[in-house]
N, C-alpha and C. Protein backbone atom coordinates (compact mmCIF):
# COMPACT_ATOMS: atom_id res chain seq x y z
N MET A 1 -45.55 116.53 -6.86
CA MET A 1 -45.54 115.00 -6.60
C MET A 1 -44.38 114.38 -7.43
N ARG A 2 -43.96 113.30 -6.24
CA ARG A 2 -42.72 112.79 -6.80
C ARG A 2 -43.03 111.44 -7.50
N ARG A 3 -42.33 111.16 -8.55
CA ARG A 3 -42.49 110.04 -9.38
C ARG A 3 -41.75 108.75 -8.71
N GLN A 4 -42.28 107.40 -8.85
CA GLN A 4 -41.68 106.36 -8.48
C GLN A 4 -40.66 105.80 -9.55
N ARG A 5 -39.59 105.44 -9.21
CA ARG A 5 -38.71 104.70 -9.98
C ARG A 5 -38.64 103.16 -9.78
N GLY A 6 -38.44 102.26 -10.80
CA GLY A 6 -38.15 100.86 -10.28
C GLY A 6 -39.43 100.08 -10.04
N PHE A 7 -39.27 98.89 -9.51
CA PHE A 7 -40.55 98.00 -9.17
C PHE A 7 -40.39 98.01 -7.64
N SER A 8 -41.63 97.61 -7.24
CA SER A 8 -41.93 97.45 -5.91
C SER A 8 -41.63 95.94 -5.64
N LEU A 9 -41.55 95.73 -4.25
CA LEU A 9 -41.03 94.70 -3.92
C LEU A 9 -41.92 93.35 -4.40
N LEU A 10 -43.33 93.80 -4.27
CA LEU A 10 -44.53 92.89 -4.76
C LEU A 10 -44.25 92.53 -6.06
N GLU A 11 -43.99 93.30 -7.14
CA GLU A 11 -43.73 92.93 -8.38
C GLU A 11 -42.72 92.27 -8.69
N THR A 12 -41.53 92.54 -8.12
CA THR A 12 -40.19 91.59 -8.08
C THR A 12 -40.67 90.26 -7.57
N ILE A 13 -41.38 89.96 -6.72
CA ILE A 13 -41.48 88.62 -6.10
C ILE A 13 -42.45 87.89 -6.91
N ALA A 14 -43.71 88.48 -7.87
CA ALA A 14 -44.39 88.08 -8.51
C ALA A 14 -43.79 87.65 -9.86
N ALA A 15 -42.76 88.45 -10.28
CA ALA A 15 -42.04 88.17 -11.64
C ALA A 15 -40.92 86.99 -11.09
N MET A 16 -40.42 86.89 -9.96
CA MET A 16 -39.53 85.87 -9.78
C MET A 16 -40.48 84.52 -9.73
N LEU A 17 -41.59 84.60 -8.91
CA LEU A 17 -42.56 83.39 -8.94
C LEU A 17 -43.05 82.86 -10.33
N LEU A 18 -43.44 84.00 -11.26
CA LEU A 18 -43.69 83.44 -12.52
C LEU A 18 -42.39 82.52 -13.12
N LEU A 19 -41.30 83.21 -13.21
CA LEU A 19 -39.95 82.72 -13.91
C LEU A 19 -39.81 81.27 -13.32
N ALA A 20 -39.79 81.07 -12.07
CA ALA A 20 -39.85 79.80 -11.30
C ALA A 20 -40.59 78.95 -11.68
N ILE A 21 -42.08 79.17 -11.76
CA ILE A 21 -43.02 78.23 -12.63
C ILE A 21 -42.81 78.01 -13.73
N VAL A 22 -42.50 78.99 -14.80
CA VAL A 22 -42.11 78.49 -16.21
C VAL A 22 -40.94 77.70 -16.13
N PHE A 23 -39.72 77.97 -15.47
CA PHE A 23 -38.43 77.12 -15.32
C PHE A 23 -38.97 75.77 -14.81
N GLY A 24 -39.68 75.53 -14.20
CA GLY A 24 -40.21 74.18 -13.28
C GLY A 24 -40.67 73.45 -14.66
N THR A 25 -41.82 74.06 -15.25
CA THR A 25 -42.38 73.55 -16.41
C THR A 25 -41.49 73.04 -17.45
N LEU A 26 -40.50 73.97 -17.79
CA LEU A 26 -39.82 73.72 -18.70
C LEU A 26 -38.85 72.50 -18.51
N MET A 27 -38.38 72.29 -17.54
CA MET A 27 -37.67 71.15 -16.91
C MET A 27 -38.24 69.98 -16.85
N LYS A 28 -39.62 69.88 -16.53
CA LYS A 28 -40.51 68.72 -16.42
C LYS A 28 -40.76 68.15 -18.04
N ILE A 29 -40.95 69.16 -18.83
CA ILE A 29 -41.07 68.70 -20.13
C ILE A 29 -39.87 68.05 -20.70
N SER A 30 -38.58 68.93 -20.54
CA SER A 30 -37.21 68.37 -20.82
C SER A 30 -37.00 67.07 -20.53
N SER A 31 -37.26 66.73 -19.03
CA SER A 31 -36.97 65.36 -18.55
C SER A 31 -37.91 64.40 -19.05
N GLY A 32 -39.08 64.66 -19.48
CA GLY A 32 -40.25 63.73 -20.07
C GLY A 32 -39.43 63.29 -21.21
N SER A 33 -38.99 64.34 -21.78
CA SER A 33 -38.26 64.21 -23.47
C SER A 33 -37.16 63.27 -23.29
N LEU A 34 -36.42 63.49 -22.53
CA LEU A 34 -35.32 62.74 -22.40
C LEU A 34 -35.49 60.87 -22.13
N HIS A 35 -36.73 60.89 -21.06
CA HIS A 35 -36.92 59.66 -20.80
C HIS A 35 -37.64 58.80 -21.84
N ALA A 36 -38.53 59.75 -22.81
CA ALA A 36 -39.09 58.87 -23.91
C ALA A 36 -38.03 58.98 -25.14
N THR A 37 -37.23 59.45 -25.18
CA THR A 37 -35.82 59.25 -25.82
C THR A 37 -35.32 57.99 -25.63
N SER A 38 -34.97 57.82 -24.39
CA SER A 38 -34.29 56.72 -23.83
C SER A 38 -34.92 55.33 -24.17
N MET A 39 -36.33 55.40 -24.05
CA MET A 39 -37.43 54.30 -24.21
C MET A 39 -37.32 53.98 -25.77
N VAL A 40 -37.33 54.93 -26.81
CA VAL A 40 -37.50 54.72 -28.27
C VAL A 40 -36.12 54.13 -28.37
N ARG A 41 -34.87 54.45 -28.01
CA ARG A 41 -33.52 53.96 -28.17
C ARG A 41 -33.46 52.49 -27.80
N THR A 42 -34.04 52.16 -26.69
CA THR A 42 -33.99 50.91 -26.41
C THR A 42 -34.97 49.94 -27.21
N ARG A 43 -36.00 50.47 -27.32
CA ARG A 43 -36.88 49.54 -28.32
C ARG A 43 -36.47 49.52 -29.70
N ASP A 44 -35.91 50.49 -30.25
CA ASP A 44 -35.14 50.65 -31.51
C ASP A 44 -34.14 49.65 -31.45
N GLN A 45 -33.49 49.44 -30.44
CA GLN A 45 -32.20 48.65 -30.41
C GLN A 45 -32.85 47.18 -30.49
N ALA A 46 -33.92 46.83 -29.60
CA ALA A 46 -34.36 45.50 -29.59
C ALA A 46 -34.82 45.08 -30.93
N ALA A 47 -35.69 45.92 -31.56
CA ALA A 47 -36.28 45.73 -32.91
C ALA A 47 -35.07 45.49 -33.92
N MET A 48 -33.94 46.07 -33.84
CA MET A 48 -32.72 45.57 -34.62
C MET A 48 -32.19 44.66 -34.43
N TRP A 49 -32.37 44.05 -33.22
CA TRP A 49 -31.64 42.70 -32.96
C TRP A 49 -32.51 41.59 -33.41
N VAL A 50 -33.87 41.79 -33.34
CA VAL A 50 -34.99 40.95 -33.76
C VAL A 50 -34.80 40.83 -35.29
N ASP A 51 -34.60 41.99 -36.16
CA ASP A 51 -34.57 41.96 -37.49
C ASP A 51 -33.41 41.13 -37.89
N SER A 52 -32.26 41.32 -37.28
CA SER A 52 -30.96 40.71 -37.44
C SER A 52 -31.23 39.11 -37.37
N LYS A 53 -31.95 38.60 -36.14
CA LYS A 53 -32.26 37.17 -36.02
C LYS A 53 -33.18 36.62 -36.84
N LEU A 54 -33.99 37.31 -37.37
CA LEU A 54 -35.31 36.80 -38.12
C LEU A 54 -34.53 36.80 -39.67
N GLU A 55 -33.51 37.46 -40.05
CA GLU A 55 -32.93 37.41 -41.31
C GLU A 55 -32.27 36.39 -41.37
N ALA A 56 -31.39 36.04 -40.36
CA ALA A 56 -30.53 34.94 -40.44
C ALA A 56 -31.27 33.70 -40.44
N LEU A 57 -32.53 33.84 -40.04
CA LEU A 57 -33.16 32.39 -39.80
C LEU A 57 -33.57 31.72 -41.37
N GLY A 58 -33.17 30.73 -41.42
CA GLY A 58 -33.26 29.88 -42.85
C GLY A 58 -32.01 30.05 -43.64
N HIS A 59 -31.29 31.12 -43.53
CA HIS A 59 -29.89 31.39 -44.27
C HIS A 59 -28.51 30.83 -43.48
N THR A 60 -28.39 31.54 -42.32
CA THR A 60 -27.20 30.94 -41.58
C THR A 60 -27.62 29.99 -40.40
N GLU A 61 -28.93 30.23 -40.06
CA GLU A 61 -29.45 29.17 -39.05
C GLU A 61 -30.62 28.68 -39.42
N PRO A 62 -30.69 27.17 -38.97
CA PRO A 62 -31.52 26.38 -39.77
C PRO A 62 -32.86 26.67 -39.34
N LEU A 63 -33.86 26.47 -40.28
CA LEU A 63 -35.31 26.40 -39.72
C LEU A 63 -36.05 25.36 -39.46
N ALA A 64 -36.24 25.15 -38.26
CA ALA A 64 -36.62 23.92 -37.52
C ALA A 64 -37.58 24.11 -36.59
N GLU A 65 -38.59 23.07 -36.38
CA GLU A 65 -39.58 23.56 -35.36
C GLU A 65 -39.08 23.32 -34.06
N GLY A 66 -39.11 23.83 -32.79
CA GLY A 66 -38.88 23.77 -31.65
C GLY A 66 -38.54 25.25 -30.99
N SER A 67 -37.85 25.38 -30.12
CA SER A 67 -37.79 26.59 -29.02
C SER A 67 -36.55 26.87 -28.96
N THR A 68 -35.99 27.91 -28.81
CA THR A 68 -34.70 28.42 -28.71
C THR A 68 -34.66 29.70 -27.85
N SER A 69 -33.63 29.90 -27.05
CA SER A 69 -33.45 31.06 -26.53
C SER A 69 -31.91 31.52 -26.36
N GLY A 70 -31.79 32.80 -26.01
CA GLY A 70 -30.46 33.32 -25.94
C GLY A 70 -30.36 34.68 -25.45
N ARG A 71 -29.19 35.39 -25.55
CA ARG A 71 -29.00 36.79 -25.09
C ARG A 71 -28.32 37.57 -26.14
N PHE A 72 -28.89 38.77 -26.49
CA PHE A 72 -28.35 39.52 -27.21
C PHE A 72 -27.18 40.58 -26.67
N GLU A 73 -26.39 41.53 -26.94
CA GLU A 73 -25.65 42.33 -26.40
C GLU A 73 -26.64 43.50 -25.89
N GLY A 74 -25.77 44.01 -24.76
CA GLY A 74 -26.70 45.09 -24.08
C GLY A 74 -27.82 44.64 -23.12
N GLY A 75 -27.67 43.05 -22.96
CA GLY A 75 -28.80 42.86 -21.87
C GLY A 75 -30.25 42.42 -22.28
N TYR A 76 -30.10 42.14 -23.49
CA TYR A 76 -31.69 41.85 -24.29
C TYR A 76 -31.85 40.18 -24.30
N ASP A 77 -32.79 39.73 -23.49
CA ASP A 77 -32.95 38.36 -23.68
C ASP A 77 -33.86 37.74 -24.76
N TRP A 78 -33.82 36.80 -25.44
CA TRP A 78 -34.65 36.48 -26.53
C TRP A 78 -35.11 34.83 -26.49
N ARG A 79 -36.18 34.76 -26.72
CA ARG A 79 -36.97 33.32 -26.75
C ARG A 79 -37.42 33.15 -28.04
N MET A 80 -37.57 32.38 -29.01
CA MET A 80 -38.05 32.04 -30.19
C MET A 80 -38.54 30.68 -30.32
N GLY A 81 -39.57 30.61 -30.77
CA GLY A 81 -40.33 29.40 -30.70
C GLY A 81 -41.00 29.33 -32.34
N ILE A 82 -40.68 28.09 -33.24
CA ILE A 82 -40.81 28.15 -34.58
C ILE A 82 -41.91 27.02 -34.68
N GLU A 83 -42.80 26.82 -35.15
CA GLU A 83 -44.02 25.81 -35.74
C GLU A 83 -44.31 25.68 -36.96
N ARG A 84 -44.24 24.57 -37.63
CA ARG A 84 -44.72 24.38 -39.05
C ARG A 84 -46.05 24.48 -39.18
N LEU A 85 -46.60 25.13 -40.18
CA LEU A 85 -48.12 25.08 -40.48
C LEU A 85 -48.63 23.98 -41.02
N PRO A 86 -49.75 23.62 -40.90
CA PRO A 86 -50.10 22.49 -41.71
C PRO A 86 -50.54 22.79 -43.39
N GLY A 87 -50.69 21.93 -44.07
CA GLY A 87 -51.14 22.09 -45.46
C GLY A 87 -49.86 22.42 -46.32
N GLY A 88 -50.45 22.53 -47.71
CA GLY A 88 -49.54 22.84 -48.76
C GLY A 88 -48.49 21.60 -49.11
N PRO A 89 -47.99 21.88 -50.10
CA PRO A 89 -47.02 20.55 -50.81
C PRO A 89 -45.83 20.63 -49.93
N ASP A 90 -45.17 19.50 -49.90
CA ASP A 90 -44.07 19.07 -49.09
C ASP A 90 -42.77 19.96 -49.68
N GLU A 91 -42.88 20.34 -50.81
CA GLU A 91 -41.90 21.31 -51.25
C GLU A 91 -41.79 22.69 -50.69
N LEU A 92 -43.04 22.92 -50.35
CA LEU A 92 -42.88 24.23 -49.68
C LEU A 92 -43.41 24.19 -47.98
N ARG A 93 -42.53 24.73 -47.44
CA ARG A 93 -42.91 24.56 -46.02
C ARG A 93 -43.00 25.98 -45.44
N LEU A 94 -44.43 25.98 -44.59
CA LEU A 94 -44.61 27.42 -44.06
C LEU A 94 -44.44 27.45 -42.60
N TYR A 95 -43.58 28.43 -41.99
CA TYR A 95 -43.45 28.30 -40.60
C TYR A 95 -43.85 29.54 -39.88
N ARG A 96 -44.50 29.30 -38.74
CA ARG A 96 -44.78 30.54 -37.84
C ARG A 96 -43.61 30.63 -36.92
N VAL A 97 -43.06 32.07 -36.82
CA VAL A 97 -42.02 32.10 -35.95
C VAL A 97 -42.41 33.34 -35.06
N ARG A 98 -42.19 33.11 -33.81
CA ARG A 98 -42.44 34.14 -32.95
C ARG A 98 -41.31 34.43 -32.01
N LEU A 99 -40.97 35.44 -31.92
CA LEU A 99 -39.63 35.89 -31.37
C LEU A 99 -39.86 36.95 -30.16
N ASP A 100 -39.68 36.67 -28.74
CA ASP A 100 -40.02 37.71 -27.71
C ASP A 100 -38.40 38.11 -27.22
N VAL A 101 -38.41 39.48 -27.02
CA VAL A 101 -37.50 40.12 -26.64
C VAL A 101 -37.57 40.73 -25.26
N SER A 102 -36.85 40.51 -24.24
CA SER A 102 -37.16 41.07 -22.92
C SER A 102 -35.79 42.08 -22.32
N TRP A 103 -35.98 42.82 -21.73
CA TRP A 103 -35.03 43.66 -20.97
C TRP A 103 -35.36 44.51 -20.11
N GLN A 104 -34.47 45.00 -19.34
CA GLN A 104 -34.87 46.00 -18.13
C GLN A 104 -34.82 47.26 -18.55
N GLU A 105 -35.79 48.18 -18.51
CA GLU A 105 -36.03 49.63 -18.83
C GLU A 105 -36.55 50.38 -17.48
N ALA A 106 -35.57 51.03 -17.14
CA ALA A 106 -35.74 52.02 -15.77
C ALA A 106 -36.21 51.08 -14.69
N ALA A 107 -35.47 50.17 -14.48
CA ALA A 107 -35.72 49.39 -13.39
C ALA A 107 -37.09 48.38 -13.37
N ARG A 108 -37.66 48.42 -14.82
CA ARG A 108 -38.89 47.57 -14.87
C ARG A 108 -38.66 46.83 -15.90
N PRO A 109 -39.46 45.69 -16.06
CA PRO A 109 -39.20 44.72 -16.96
C PRO A 109 -39.78 45.18 -18.18
N ALA A 110 -39.30 45.24 -19.50
CA ALA A 110 -39.93 45.54 -20.82
C ALA A 110 -39.79 44.49 -21.73
N ARG A 111 -40.69 44.42 -22.75
CA ARG A 111 -40.93 43.17 -23.68
C ARG A 111 -41.49 43.55 -24.85
N LEU A 112 -41.12 42.95 -26.04
CA LEU A 112 -41.56 43.21 -27.36
C LEU A 112 -41.79 41.85 -27.98
N SER A 113 -42.69 41.50 -28.81
CA SER A 113 -43.10 40.18 -29.36
C SER A 113 -43.26 40.45 -30.59
N PHE A 114 -42.67 39.58 -31.74
CA PHE A 114 -42.75 39.73 -33.11
C PHE A 114 -43.18 38.33 -33.41
N THR A 115 -44.25 38.34 -34.48
CA THR A 115 -44.44 37.06 -35.04
C THR A 115 -44.36 37.41 -36.53
N THR A 116 -44.09 36.33 -37.17
CA THR A 116 -43.81 36.32 -38.78
C THR A 116 -43.96 34.89 -39.39
N LEU A 117 -44.09 34.93 -40.61
CA LEU A 117 -44.25 33.59 -41.37
C LEU A 117 -42.95 33.57 -42.39
N LYS A 118 -42.35 32.37 -42.27
CA LYS A 118 -41.07 32.22 -43.04
C LYS A 118 -41.26 30.73 -43.91
N LEU A 119 -41.07 31.02 -45.28
CA LEU A 119 -41.31 29.95 -46.13
C LEU A 119 -39.99 29.16 -46.37
N GLU A 120 -39.84 27.93 -46.57
CA GLU A 120 -38.93 27.24 -46.55
C GLU A 120 -39.03 26.35 -48.02
N THR A 121 -38.58 26.41 -48.78
CA THR A 121 -38.54 25.78 -50.07
C THR A 121 -37.35 24.45 -50.07
N ALA A 122 -38.06 23.33 -50.41
CA ALA A 122 -37.15 22.06 -50.42
C ALA A 122 -36.78 21.99 -51.81
N ILE A 123 -35.57 22.13 -52.13
CA ILE A 123 -35.04 22.07 -53.72
C ILE A 123 -34.92 20.33 -53.86
N PRO A 124 -35.75 19.79 -54.63
CA PRO A 124 -35.29 18.12 -54.81
C PRO A 124 -33.86 18.13 -55.16
N ALA A 125 -33.36 17.15 -54.78
CA ALA A 125 -31.90 16.69 -55.24
C ALA A 125 -31.96 16.11 -56.52
N PRO A 126 -30.74 16.53 -57.36
CA PRO A 126 -30.66 16.18 -58.76
C PRO A 126 -30.74 14.59 -59.03
N ALA A 127 -31.26 14.18 -59.96
CA ALA A 127 -31.33 12.54 -59.96
C ALA A 127 -29.95 12.29 -60.61
N ALA A 128 -29.66 11.10 -59.97
CA ALA A 128 -28.35 10.51 -60.22
C ALA A 128 -28.23 10.20 -61.79
N THR A 129 -27.00 10.40 -62.45
CA THR A 129 -26.77 10.23 -63.79
C THR A 129 -25.65 9.21 -63.63
N THR A 130 -26.07 8.19 -64.66
CA THR A 130 -24.92 7.04 -65.06
C THR A 130 -24.15 7.31 -65.90
N GLY A 131 -24.19 8.32 -66.69
CA GLY A 131 -22.88 8.81 -67.44
C GLY A 131 -23.30 8.00 -69.04
N GLU A 132 -24.35 7.41 -69.22
CA GLU A 132 -24.91 6.62 -70.45
C GLU A 132 -25.79 7.84 -70.94
N PRO A 133 -25.58 7.76 -72.22
CA PRO A 133 -26.24 8.85 -72.95
C PRO A 133 -27.61 8.23 -73.56
N GLU A 134 -28.48 8.91 -73.35
CA GLU A 134 -29.88 8.88 -73.57
C GLU A 134 -30.45 8.40 -75.04
């Protein structure tokens, strides 16, 4: 009796089919991972712009009621609304700040909204002195 060597055509086709299925699945997982990484990167960038804007508010930018809007680098549009909350002493002013950031992500609009409270303290002006000792 003669022994067969190698693989039959059917075994080879089955192995190739199995490899194609595994390779296709790996490519789909890899593509999904790249897409998720891209989404996280754009959202992280938007959050960094928001953090920068909110940090400047009350320091380098005035903290006043109203709405403003603008555009960050990279195509991020922003809109900010500030309202003073009632109550409390006049020296302590509490404001609600809402900042919305929008941009295009994979040809679709994306948006993040942030709300925080900012406290403004009014420092009373020093009393005028006449130069006379008391």
